[in-house]
């Protein structure tokens, strides 16, 4: 297979285009809506990882929420099941609230 020059993977493309808090909020809302429709929590948690990378490094973010980088990555890779309190903590550190609408 021919290797393409000047390509970027989808994750990096999304991270680079989530430039404002409003962009990130819209992205997370869309991801949460998708989760509520299809039940794919892994996809939603992947969206949280991308939102984190748009604002900070995973290592820096993990430190802010009192978690190891390794543990946070294990959640993103679906090696461990996240607690609801962890999801809330991530949203809070990103600067968003969870609410019932």
PDB file of N, CA and C in Angstrom:
ATOM      1  N   UNK A   1       0.841  -1.178   0.000  1.00  0.00           N
ATOM      2  CA  UNK A   1       0.000   0.000   0.000  1.00  0.00           C
ATOM      3  C   UNK A   1       0.884   1.238   0.000  1.00  0.00           C
ATOM      4  N   UNK A   2       0.544   2.209  -0.806  1.00  0.00           N
ATOM      5  CA  UNK A   2       1.314   3.437  -0.928  1.00  0.00           C
ATOM      6  C   UNK A   2       1.089   4.333   0.284  1.00  0.00           C
ATOM      7  N   UNK A   3       2.178   4.830   0.839  1.00  0.00           N
ATOM      8  CA  UNK A   3       2.086   5.718   1.987  1.00  0.00           C
ATOM      9  C   UNK A   3       1.787   7.137   1.505  1.00  0.00           C
ATOM     10  N   UNK A   4       0.792   7.764   2.123  1.00  0.00           N
ATOM     11  CA  UNK A   4       0.398   9.106   1.728  1.00  0.00           C
ATOM     12  C   UNK A   4       1.223  10.149   2.477  1.00  0.00           C
ATOM     13  N   UNK A   5       1.681  11.144   1.755  1.00  0.00           N
ATOM     14  CA  UNK A   5       2.414  12.243   2.385  1.00  0.00           C
ATOM     15  C   UNK A   5       1.422  13.301   2.850  1.00  0.00           C
ATOM     16  N   UNK A   6       1.816  14.032   3.840  1.00  0.00           N
ATOM     17  CA  UNK A   6       1.034  15.160   4.338  1.00  0.00           C
ATOM     18  C   UNK A   6      -0.360  14.747   4.806  1.00  0.00           C
ATOM     19  N   UNK A   7      -0.442  13.629   5.488  1.00  0.00           N
ATOM     20  CA  UNK A   7      -1.718  13.200   6.047  1.00  0.00           C
ATOM     21  C   UNK A   7      -1.704  13.411   7.549  1.00  0.00           C
ATOM     22  N   UNK A   8      -2.872  13.507   8.110  1.00  0.00           N
ATOM     23  CA  UNK A   8      -3.019  13.660   9.553  1.00  0.00           C
ATOM     24  C   UNK A   8      -4.115  12.709   9.988  1.00  0.00           C
ATOM     25  N   UNK A   9      -3.963  12.082  11.136  1.00  0.00           N
ATOM     26  CA  UNK A   9      -5.013  11.173  11.558  1.00  0.00           C
ATOM     27  C   UNK A   9      -6.202  11.956  12.094  1.00  0.00           C
ATOM     28  N   UNK A  10      -7.340  11.305  12.132  1.00  0.00           N
ATOM     29  CA  UNK A  10      -8.589  11.953  12.507  1.00  0.00           C
ATOM     30  C   UNK A  10      -8.521  12.554  13.902  1.00  0.00           C
ATOM     31  N   UNK A  11      -7.936  11.833  14.853  1.00  0.00           N
ATOM     32  CA  UNK A  11      -7.846  12.358  16.221  1.00  0.00           C
ATOM     33  C   UNK A  11      -7.085  13.674  16.248  1.00  0.00           C
ATOM     34  N   UNK A  12      -5.924  13.724  15.610  1.00  0.00           N
ATOM     35  CA  UNK A  12      -5.149  14.971  15.595  1.00  0.00           C
ATOM     36  C   UNK A  12      -5.909  16.091  14.895  1.00  0.00           C
ATOM     37  N   UNK A  13      -6.634  15.741  13.848  1.00  0.00           N
ATOM     38  CA  UNK A  13      -7.431  16.733  13.137  1.00  0.00           C
ATOM     39  C   UNK A  13      -8.481  17.340  14.068  1.00  0.00           C
ATOM     40  N   UNK A  14      -9.190  16.475  14.802  1.00  0.00           N
ATOM     41  CA  UNK A  14     -10.220  16.967  15.720  1.00  0.00           C
ATOM     42  C   UNK A  14      -9.589  17.793  16.836  1.00  0.00           C
ATOM     43  N   UNK A  15      -8.519  17.279  17.451  1.00  0.00           N
ATOM     44  CA  UNK A  15      -7.845  18.006  18.533  1.00  0.00           C
ATOM     45  C   UNK A  15      -7.424  19.393  18.062  1.00  0.00           C
ATOM     46  N   UNK A  16      -6.852  19.467  16.876  1.00  0.00           N
ATOM     47  CA  UNK A  16      -6.377  20.752  16.343  1.00  0.00           C
ATOM     48  C   UNK A  16      -7.500  21.702  15.987  1.00  0.00           C
ATOM     49  N   UNK A  17      -8.705  21.182  15.752  1.00  0.00           N
ATOM     50  CA  UNK A  17      -9.821  22.039  15.370  1.00  0.00           C
ATOM     51  C   UNK A  17     -10.757  22.374  16.521  1.00  0.00           C
ATOM     52  N   UNK A  18     -10.532  21.802  17.683  1.00  0.00           N
ATOM     53  CA  UNK A  18     -11.287  22.182  18.872  1.00  0.00           C
ATOM     54  C   UNK A  18     -10.531  23.341  19.528  1.00  0.00           C
ATOM     55  N   UNK A  19     -10.770  24.536  19.024  1.00  0.00           N
ATOM     56  CA  UNK A  19      -9.947  25.673  19.415  1.00  0.00           C
ATOM     57  C   UNK A  19     -10.512  26.505  20.557  1.00  0.00           C
ATOM     58  N   UNK A  20     -11.784  26.380  20.825  1.00  0.00           N
ATOM     59  CA  UNK A  20     -12.369  27.188  21.899  1.00  0.00           C
ATOM     60  C   UNK A  20     -13.142  26.287  22.853  1.00  0.00           C
ATOM     61  N   UNK A  21     -13.455  26.831  24.016  1.00  0.00           N
ATOM     62  CA  UNK A  21     -14.263  26.082  24.976  1.00  0.00           C
ATOM     63  C   UNK A  21     -15.626  25.750  24.380  1.00  0.00           C
ATOM     64  N   UNK A  22     -16.164  26.652  23.575  1.00  0.00           N
ATOM     65  CA  UNK A  22     -17.461  26.409  22.930  1.00  0.00           C
ATOM     66  C   UNK A  22     -17.368  25.239  21.947  1.00  0.00           C
ATOM     67  N   UNK A  23     -16.272  25.181  21.171  1.00  0.00           N
ATOM     68  CA  UNK A  23     -16.063  24.052  20.249  1.00  0.00           C
ATOM     69  C   UNK A  23     -16.033  22.729  21.009  1.00  0.00           C
ATOM     70  N   UNK A  24     -15.306  22.717  22.120  1.00  0.00           N
ATOM     71  CA  UNK A  24     -15.176  21.493  22.916  1.00  0.00           C
ATOM     72  C   UNK A  24     -16.517  21.110  23.507  1.00  0.00           C
ATOM     73  N   UNK A  25     -17.256  22.096  24.003  1.00  0.00           N
ATOM     74  CA  UNK A  25     -18.576  21.836  24.579  1.00  0.00           C
ATOM     75  C   UNK A  25     -19.515  21.234  23.536  1.00  0.00           C
ATOM     76  N   UNK A  26     -19.531  21.792  22.344  1.00  0.00           N
ATOM     77  CA  UNK A  26     -20.388  21.260  21.280  1.00  0.00           C
ATOM     78  C   UNK A  26     -19.986  19.836  20.909  1.00  0.00           C
ATOM     79  N   UNK A  27     -18.686  19.587  20.849  1.00  0.00           N
ATOM     80  CA  UNK A  27     -18.173  18.256  20.529  1.00  0.00           C
ATOM     81  C   UNK A  27     -18.583  17.241  21.597  1.00  0.00           C
ATOM     82  N   UNK A  28     -18.432  17.609  22.859  1.00  0.00           N
ATOM     83  CA  UNK A  28     -18.803  16.695  23.943  1.00  0.00           C
ATOM     84  C   UNK A  28     -20.309  16.465  23.987  1.00  0.00           C
ATOM     85  N   UNK A  29     -21.092  17.516  23.743  1.00  0.00           N
ATOM     86  CA  UNK A  29     -22.549  17.350  23.710  1.00  0.00           C
ATOM     87  C   UNK A  29     -22.971  16.389  22.597  1.00  0.00           C
ATOM     88  N   UNK A  30     -22.361  16.522  21.427  1.00  0.00           N
ATOM     89  CA  UNK A  30     -22.668  15.618  20.315  1.00  0.00           C
ATOM     90  C   UNK A  30     -22.263  14.188  20.668  1.00  0.00           C
ATOM     91  N   UNK A  31     -21.108  14.033  21.304  1.00  0.00           N
ATOM     92  CA  UNK A  31     -20.636  12.701  21.699  1.00  0.00           C
ATOM     93  C   UNK A  31     -21.547  12.088  22.757  1.00  0.00           C
ATOM     94  N   UNK A  32     -21.999  12.903  23.697  1.00  0.00           N
ATOM     95  CA  UNK A  32     -22.908  12.407  24.732  1.00  0.00           C
ATOM     96  C   UNK A  32     -24.248  12.010  24.110  1.00  0.00           C
ATOM     97  N   UNK A  33     -24.734  12.798  23.174  1.00  0.00           N
ATOM     98  CA  UNK A  33     -25.984  12.471  22.482  1.00  0.00           C
ATOM     99  C   UNK A  33     -25.839  11.141  21.736  1.00  0.00           C
ATOM    100  N   UNK A  34     -24.713  10.966  21.051  1.00  0.00           N
ATOM    101  CA  UNK A  34     -24.459   9.695  20.360  1.00  0.00           C
ATOM    102  C   UNK A  34     -24.463   8.533  21.342  1.00  0.00           C
ATOM    103  N   UNK A  35     -23.825   8.722  22.490  1.00  0.00           N
ATOM    104  CA  UNK A  35     -23.782   7.670  23.508  1.00  0.00           C
ATOM    105  C   UNK A  35     -25.189   7.304  23.978  1.00  0.00           C
ATOM    106  N   UNK A  36     -26.023   8.315  24.196  1.00  0.00           N
ATOM    107  CA  UNK A  36     -27.383   8.045  24.654  1.00  0.00           C
ATOM    108  C   UNK A  36     -28.190   7.297  23.602  1.00  0.00           C
ATOM    109  N   UNK A  37     -27.846   7.495  22.330  1.00  0.00           N
ATOM    110  CA  UNK A  37     -28.556   6.810  21.246  1.00  0.00           C
ATOM    111  C   UNK A  37     -28.023   5.403  20.991  1.00  0.00           C
ATOM    112  N   UNK A  38     -26.692   5.243  21.021  1.00  0.00           N
ATOM    113  CA  UNK A  38     -26.133   3.941  20.639  1.00  0.00           C
ATOM    114  C   UNK A  38     -25.534   3.141  21.795  1.00  0.00           C
ATOM    115  N   UNK A  39     -25.389   3.756  22.964  1.00  0.00           N
ATOM    116  CA  UNK A  39     -24.872   3.048  24.128  1.00  0.00           C
ATOM    117  C   UNK A  39     -23.388   2.733  24.079  1.00  0.00           C
ATOM    118  N   UNK A  40     -22.671   3.324  23.131  1.00  0.00           N
ATOM    119  CA  UNK A  40     -21.238   3.059  22.984  1.00  0.00           C
ATOM    120  C   UNK A  40     -20.438   3.979  23.903  1.00  0.00           C
ATOM    121  N   UNK A  41     -20.267   3.522  25.152  1.00  0.00           N
ATOM    122  CA  UNK A  41     -19.558   4.346  26.137  1.00  0.00           C
ATOM    123  C   UNK A  41     -18.097   4.540  25.751  1.00  0.00           C
ATOM    124  N   UNK A  42     -17.494   3.553  25.116  1.00  0.00           N
ATOM    125  CA  UNK A  42     -16.088   3.674  24.720  1.00  0.00           C
ATOM    126  C   UNK A  42     -15.885   4.849  23.775  1.00  0.00           C
ATOM    127  N   UNK A  43     -16.801   5.027  22.847  1.00  0.00           N
ATOM    128  CA  UNK A  43     -16.721   6.146  21.915  1.00  0.00           C
ATOM    129  C   UNK A  43     -16.849   7.470  22.660  1.00  0.00           C
ATOM    130  N   UNK A  44     -17.765   7.525  23.631  1.00  0.00           N
ATOM    131  CA  UNK A  44     -17.926   8.742  24.420  1.00  0.00           C
ATOM    132  C   UNK A  44     -16.664   9.036  25.236  1.00  0.00           C
ATOM    133  N   UNK A  45     -16.096   8.004  25.847  1.00  0.00           N
ATOM    134  CA  UNK A  45     -14.905   8.223  26.655  1.00  0.00           C
ATOM    135  C   UNK A  45     -13.723   8.628  25.775  1.00  0.00           C
ATOM    136  N   UNK A  46     -13.696   8.146  24.556  1.00  0.00           N
ATOM    137  CA  UNK A  46     -12.668   8.562  23.588  1.00  0.00           C
ATOM    138  C   UNK A  46     -12.824  10.051  23.281  1.00  0.00           C
ATOM    139  N   UNK A  47     -14.069  10.521  23.195  1.00  0.00           N
ATOM    140  CA  UNK A  47     -14.325  11.943  22.977  1.00  0.00           C
ATOM    141  C   UNK A  47     -13.806  12.772  24.152  1.00  0.00           C
ATOM    142  N   UNK A  48     -13.941  12.235  25.360  1.00  0.00           N
ATOM    143  CA  UNK A  48     -13.383  12.935  26.519  1.00  0.00           C
ATOM    144  C   UNK A  48     -11.865  13.036  26.411  1.00  0.00           C
ATOM    145  N   UNK A  49     -11.225  11.969  25.960  1.00  0.00           N
ATOM    146  CA  UNK A  49      -9.773  12.000  25.767  1.00  0.00           C
ATOM    147  C   UNK A  49      -9.385  13.079  24.759  1.00  0.00           C
ATOM    148  N   UNK A  50     -10.106  13.165  23.672  1.00  0.00           N
ATOM    149  CA  UNK A  50      -9.809  14.169  22.645  1.00  0.00           C
ATOM    150  C   UNK A  50     -10.027  15.570  23.201  1.00  0.00           C
ATOM    151  N   UNK A  51     -11.080  15.764  23.981  1.00  0.00           N
ATOM    152  CA  UNK A  51     -11.334  17.074  24.598  1.00  0.00           C
ATOM    153  C   UNK A  51     -10.208  17.454  25.552  1.00  0.00           C
ATOM    154  N   UNK A  52      -9.724  16.474  26.308  1.00  0.00           N
ATOM    155  CA  UNK A  52      -8.605  16.718  27.221  1.00  0.00           C
ATOM    156  C   UNK A  52      -7.374  17.144  26.435  1.00  0.00           C
ATOM    157  N   UNK A  53      -7.090  16.440  25.348  1.00  0.00           N
ATOM    158  CA  UNK A  53      -5.911  16.762  24.539  1.00  0.00           C
ATOM    159  C   UNK A  53      -6.039  18.130  23.869  1.00  0.00           C
ATOM    160  N   UNK A  54      -7.261  18.569  23.619  1.00  0.00           N
ATOM    161  CA  UNK A  54      -7.467  19.896  23.029  1.00  0.00           C
ATOM    162  C   UNK A  54      -7.147  21.004  24.032  1.00  0.00           C
ATOM    163  N   UNK A  55      -7.263  20.693  25.327  1.00  0.00           N
ATOM    164  CA  UNK A  55      -7.029  21.700  26.363  1.00  0.00           C
ATOM    165  C   UNK A  55      -5.678  21.576  27.060  1.00  0.00           C
ATOM    166  N   UNK A  56      -5.110  20.371  27.083  1.00  0.00           N
ATOM    167  CA  UNK A  56      -3.944  20.107  27.923  1.00  0.00           C
ATOM    168  C   UNK A  56      -3.289  18.815  27.439  1.00  0.00           C
ATOM    169  N   UNK A  57      -2.210  18.436  28.080  1.00  0.00           N
ATOM    170  CA  UNK A  57      -1.658  17.110  27.843  1.00  0.00           C
ATOM    171  C   UNK A  57      -2.390  16.137  28.767  1.00  0.00           C
ATOM    172  N   UNK A  58      -2.403  14.884  28.413  1.00  0.00           N
ATOM    173  CA  UNK A  58      -3.049  13.894  29.270  1.00  0.00           C
ATOM    174  C   UNK A  58      -2.327  13.832  30.617  1.00  0.00           C
ATOM    175  N   UNK A  59      -1.009  13.892  30.594  1.00  0.00           N
ATOM    176  CA  UNK A  59      -0.232  13.855  31.842  1.00  0.00           C
ATOM    177  C   UNK A  59      -0.562  15.054  32.735  1.00  0.00           C
ATOM    178  N   UNK A  60      -0.609  16.227  32.140  1.00  0.00           N
ATOM    179  CA  UNK A  60      -0.933  17.430  32.911  1.00  0.00           C
ATOM    180  C   UNK A  60      -2.341  17.386  33.461  1.00  0.00           C
ATOM    181  N   UNK A  61      -3.268  16.924  32.653  1.00  0.00           N
ATOM    182  CA  UNK A  61      -4.661  16.836  33.079  1.00  0.00           C
ATOM    183  C   UNK A  61      -4.816  15.808  34.198  1.00  0.00           C
ATOM    184  N   UNK A  62      -4.164  14.656  34.042  1.00  0.00           N
ATOM    185  CA  UNK A  62      -4.240  13.609  35.061  1.00  0.00           C
ATOM    186  C   UNK A  62      -3.748  14.141  36.407  1.00  0.00           C
ATOM    187  N   UNK A  63      -2.680  14.899  36.370  1.00  0.00           N
ATOM    188  CA  UNK A  63      -2.138  15.472  37.610  1.00  0.00           C
ATOM    189  C   UNK A  63      -3.155  16.416  38.256  1.00  0.00           C
ATOM    190  N   UNK A  64      -3.830  17.215  37.433  1.00  0.00           N
ATOM    191  CA  UNK A  64      -4.821  18.164  37.948  1.00  0.00           C
ATOM    192  C   UNK A  64      -5.985  17.467  38.638  1.00  0.00           C
ATOM    193  N   UNK A  65      -6.354  16.284  38.165  1.00  0.00           N
ATOM    194  CA  UNK A  65      -7.492  15.583  38.780  1.00  0.00           C
ATOM    195  C   UNK A  65      -7.050  14.527  39.793  1.00  0.00           C
ATOM    196  N   UNK A  66      -5.753  14.481  40.066  1.00  0.00           N
ATOM    197  CA  UNK A  66      -5.249  13.566  41.091  1.00  0.00           C
ATOM    198  C   UNK A  66      -5.241  12.114  40.666  1.00  0.00           C
ATOM    199  N   UNK A  67      -4.932  11.885  39.394  1.00  0.00           N
ATOM    200  CA  UNK A  67      -4.911  10.538  38.853  1.00  0.00           C
ATOM    201  C   UNK A  67      -3.609  10.360  38.086  1.00  0.00           C
ATOM    202  N   UNK A  68      -3.127   9.152  38.008  1.00  0.00           N
ATOM    203  CA  UNK A  68      -1.912   8.928  37.232  1.00  0.00           C
ATOM    204  C   UNK A  68      -2.243   8.942  35.742  1.00  0.00           C
ATOM    205  N   UNK A  69      -1.282   9.328  34.949  1.00  0.00           N
ATOM    206  CA  UNK A  69      -1.438   9.343  33.494  1.00  0.00           C
ATOM    207  C   UNK A  69      -1.739   7.931  32.998  1.00  0.00           C
ATOM    208  N   UNK A  70      -1.051   6.954  33.583  1.00  0.00           N
ATOM    209  CA  UNK A  70      -1.236   5.560  33.205  1.00  0.00           C
ATOM    210  C   UNK A  70      -2.668   5.107  33.450  1.00  0.00           C
ATOM    211  N   UNK A  71      -3.219   5.484  34.599  1.00  0.00           N
ATOM    212  CA  UNK A  71      -4.594   5.103  34.920  1.00  0.00           C
ATOM    213  C   UNK A  71      -5.570   5.752  33.947  1.00  0.00           C
ATOM    214  N   UNK A  72      -5.359   7.017  33.652  1.00  0.00           N
ATOM    215  CA  UNK A  72      -6.241   7.717  32.722  1.00  0.00           C
ATOM    216  C   UNK A  72      -6.189   7.070  31.340  1.00  0.00           C
ATOM    217  N   UNK A  73      -4.990   6.741  30.873  1.00  0.00           N
ATOM    218  CA  UNK A  73      -4.868   6.064  29.581  1.00  0.00           C
ATOM    219  C   UNK A  73      -5.530   4.684  29.602  1.00  0.00           C
ATOM    220  N   UNK A  74      -5.460   3.989  30.731  1.00  0.00           N
ATOM    221  CA  UNK A  74      -6.100   2.670  30.802  1.00  0.00           C
ATOM    222  C   UNK A  74      -7.617   2.800  30.686  1.00  0.00           C
ATOM    223  N   UNK A  75      -8.163   3.904  31.140  1.00  0.00           N
ATOM    224  CA  UNK A  75      -9.590   4.154  30.969  1.00  0.00           C
ATOM    225  C   UNK A  75      -9.904   4.427  29.504  1.00  0.00           C
ATOM    226  N   UNK A  76      -9.076   5.233  28.856  1.00  0.00           N
ATOM    227  CA  UNK A  76      -9.292   5.564  27.446  1.00  0.00           C
ATOM    228  C   UNK A  76      -9.187   4.332  26.550  1.00  0.00           C
ATOM    229  N   UNK A  77      -8.320   3.399  26.939  1.00  0.00           N
ATOM    230  CA  UNK A  77      -8.116   2.184  26.144  1.00  0.00           C
ATOM    231  C   UNK A  77      -9.109   1.080  26.509  1.00  0.00           C
ATOM    232  N   UNK A  78     -10.063   1.413  27.382  1.00  0.00           N
ATOM    233  CA  UNK A  78     -11.082   0.465  27.814  1.00  0.00           C
ATOM    234  C   UNK A  78     -10.496  -0.735  28.557  1.00  0.00           C
ATOM    235  N   UNK A  79      -9.368  -0.531  29.211  1.00  0.00           N
ATOM    236  CA  UNK A  79      -8.771  -1.579  30.028  1.00  0.00           C
ATOM    237  C   UNK A  79      -9.384  -1.592  31.433  1.00  0.00           C
ATOM    238  N   UNK A  80      -9.944  -0.457  31.828  1.00  0.00           N
ATOM    239  CA  UNK A  80     -10.614  -0.331  33.118  1.00  0.00           C
ATOM    240  C   UNK A  80     -11.920   0.423  32.908  1.00  0.00           C
ATOM    241  N   UNK A  81     -12.896   0.092  33.728  1.00  0.00           N
ATOM    242  CA  UNK A  81     -14.197   0.752  33.679  1.00  0.00           C
ATOM    243  C   UNK A  81     -14.147   2.011  34.557  1.00  0.00           C
ATOM    244  N   UNK A  82     -14.456   3.175  33.996  1.00  0.00           N
ATOM    245  CA  UNK A  82     -14.404   4.391  34.807  1.00  0.00           C
ATOM    246  C   UNK A  82     -15.587   4.483  35.759  1.00  0.00           C
ATOM    247  N   UNK A  83     -15.347   5.067  36.894  1.00  0.00           N
ATOM    248  CA  UNK A  83     -16.422   5.352  37.835  1.00  0.00           C
ATOM    249  C   UNK A  83     -17.133   6.620  37.362  1.00  0.00           C
ATOM    250  N   UNK A  84     -18.388   6.739  37.722  1.00  0.00           N
ATOM    251  CA  UNK A  84     -19.124   7.955  37.367  1.00  0.00           C
ATOM    252  C   UNK A  84     -18.454   9.178  37.972  1.00  0.00           C
ATOM    253  N   UNK A  85     -17.925   9.028  39.174  1.00  0.00           N
ATOM    254  CA  UNK A  85     -17.253  10.161  39.829  1.00  0.00           C
ATOM    255  C   UNK A  85     -16.041  10.621  39.019  1.00  0.00           C
ATOM    256  N   UNK A  86     -15.389   9.696  38.312  1.00  0.00           N
ATOM    257  CA  UNK A  86     -14.249  10.055  37.465  1.00  0.00           C
ATOM    258  C   UNK A  86     -14.721  10.875  36.275  1.00  0.00           C
ATOM    259  N   UNK A  87     -15.829  10.471  35.672  1.00  0.00           N
ATOM    260  CA  UNK A  87     -16.379  11.224  34.545  1.00  0.00           C
ATOM    261  C   UNK A  87     -16.756  12.632  34.994  1.00  0.00           C
ATOM    262  N   UNK A  88     -17.391  12.745  36.147  1.00  0.00           N
ATOM    263  CA  UNK A  88     -17.776  14.057  36.681  1.00  0.00           C
ATOM    264  C   UNK A  88     -16.535  14.905  36.936  1.00  0.00           C
ATOM    265  N   UNK A  89     -15.511  14.306  37.520  1.00  0.00           N
ATOM    266  CA  UNK A  89     -14.261  15.015  37.801  1.00  0.00           C
ATOM    267  C   UNK A  89     -13.627  15.535  36.504  1.00  0.00           C
ATOM    268  N   UNK A  90     -13.656  14.727  35.456  1.00  0.00           N
ATOM    269  CA  UNK A  90     -13.108  15.145  34.162  1.00  0.00           C
ATOM    270  C   UNK A  90     -13.894  16.325  33.621  1.00  0.00           C
ATOM    271  N   UNK A  91     -15.222  16.225  33.640  1.00  0.00           N
ATOM    272  CA  UNK A  91     -16.046  17.340  33.162  1.00  0.00           C
ATOM    273  C   UNK A  91     -15.771  18.612  33.953  1.00  0.00           C
ATOM    274  N   UNK A  92     -15.687  18.493  35.261  1.00  0.00           N
ATOM    275  CA  UNK A  92     -15.443  19.666  36.097  1.00  0.00           C
ATOM    276  C   UNK A  92     -14.102  20.309  35.776  1.00  0.00           C
ATOM    277  N   UNK A  93     -13.069  19.499  35.619  1.00  0.00           N
ATOM    278  CA  UNK A  93     -11.744  20.053  35.309  1.00  0.00           C
ATOM    279  C   UNK A  93     -11.714  20.670  33.915  1.00  0.00           C
ATOM    280  N   UNK A  94     -12.499  20.118  32.994  1.00  0.00           N
ATOM    281  CA  UNK A  94     -12.594  20.717  31.661  1.00  0.00           C
ATOM    282  C   UNK A  94     -13.366  22.046  31.711  1.00  0.00           C
ATOM    283  N   UNK A  95     -14.102  22.264  32.806  1.00  0.00           N
ATOM    284  CA  UNK A  95     -14.852  23.509  32.977  1.00  0.00           C
ATOM    285  C   UNK A  95     -16.318  23.404  32.614  1.00  0.00           C
ATOM    286  N   UNK A  96     -16.844  22.172  32.587  1.00  0.00           N
ATOM    287  CA  UNK A  96     -18.240  21.946  32.221  1.00  0.00           C
ATOM    288  C   UNK A  96     -18.982  21.261  33.348  1.00  0.00           C
ATOM    289  N   UNK A  97     -20.307  21.452  33.377  1.00  0.00           N
ATOM    290  CA  UNK A  97     -21.160  20.795  34.337  1.00  0.00           C
ATOM    291  C   UNK A  97     -21.990  19.739  33.629  1.00  0.00           C
ATOM    292  N   UNK A  98     -22.322  18.701  34.346  1.00  0.00           N
ATOM    293  CA  UNK A  98     -23.293  17.724  33.858  1.00  0.00           C
ATOM    294  C   UNK A  98     -24.637  18.112  34.434  1.00  0.00           C
ATOM    295  N   UNK A  99     -25.642  18.169  33.581  1.00  0.00           N
ATOM    296  CA  UNK A  99     -26.969  18.492  34.088  1.00  0.00           C
ATOM    297  C   UNK A  99     -28.014  17.745  33.261  1.00  0.00           C
ATOM    298  N   UNK A 100     -29.166  17.581  33.862  1.00  0.00           N
ATOM    299  CA  UNK A 100     -30.269  16.951  33.176  1.00  0.00           C
ATOM    300  C   UNK A 100     -31.056  18.047  32.476  1.00  0.00           C
ATOM    301  N   UNK A 101     -31.285  17.851  31.185  1.00  0.00           N
ATOM    302  CA  UNK A 101     -32.000  18.891  30.427  1.00  0.00           C
ATOM    303  C   UNK A 101     -33.340  18.367  29.969  1.00  0.00           C
TER     304      UNK A 101
END
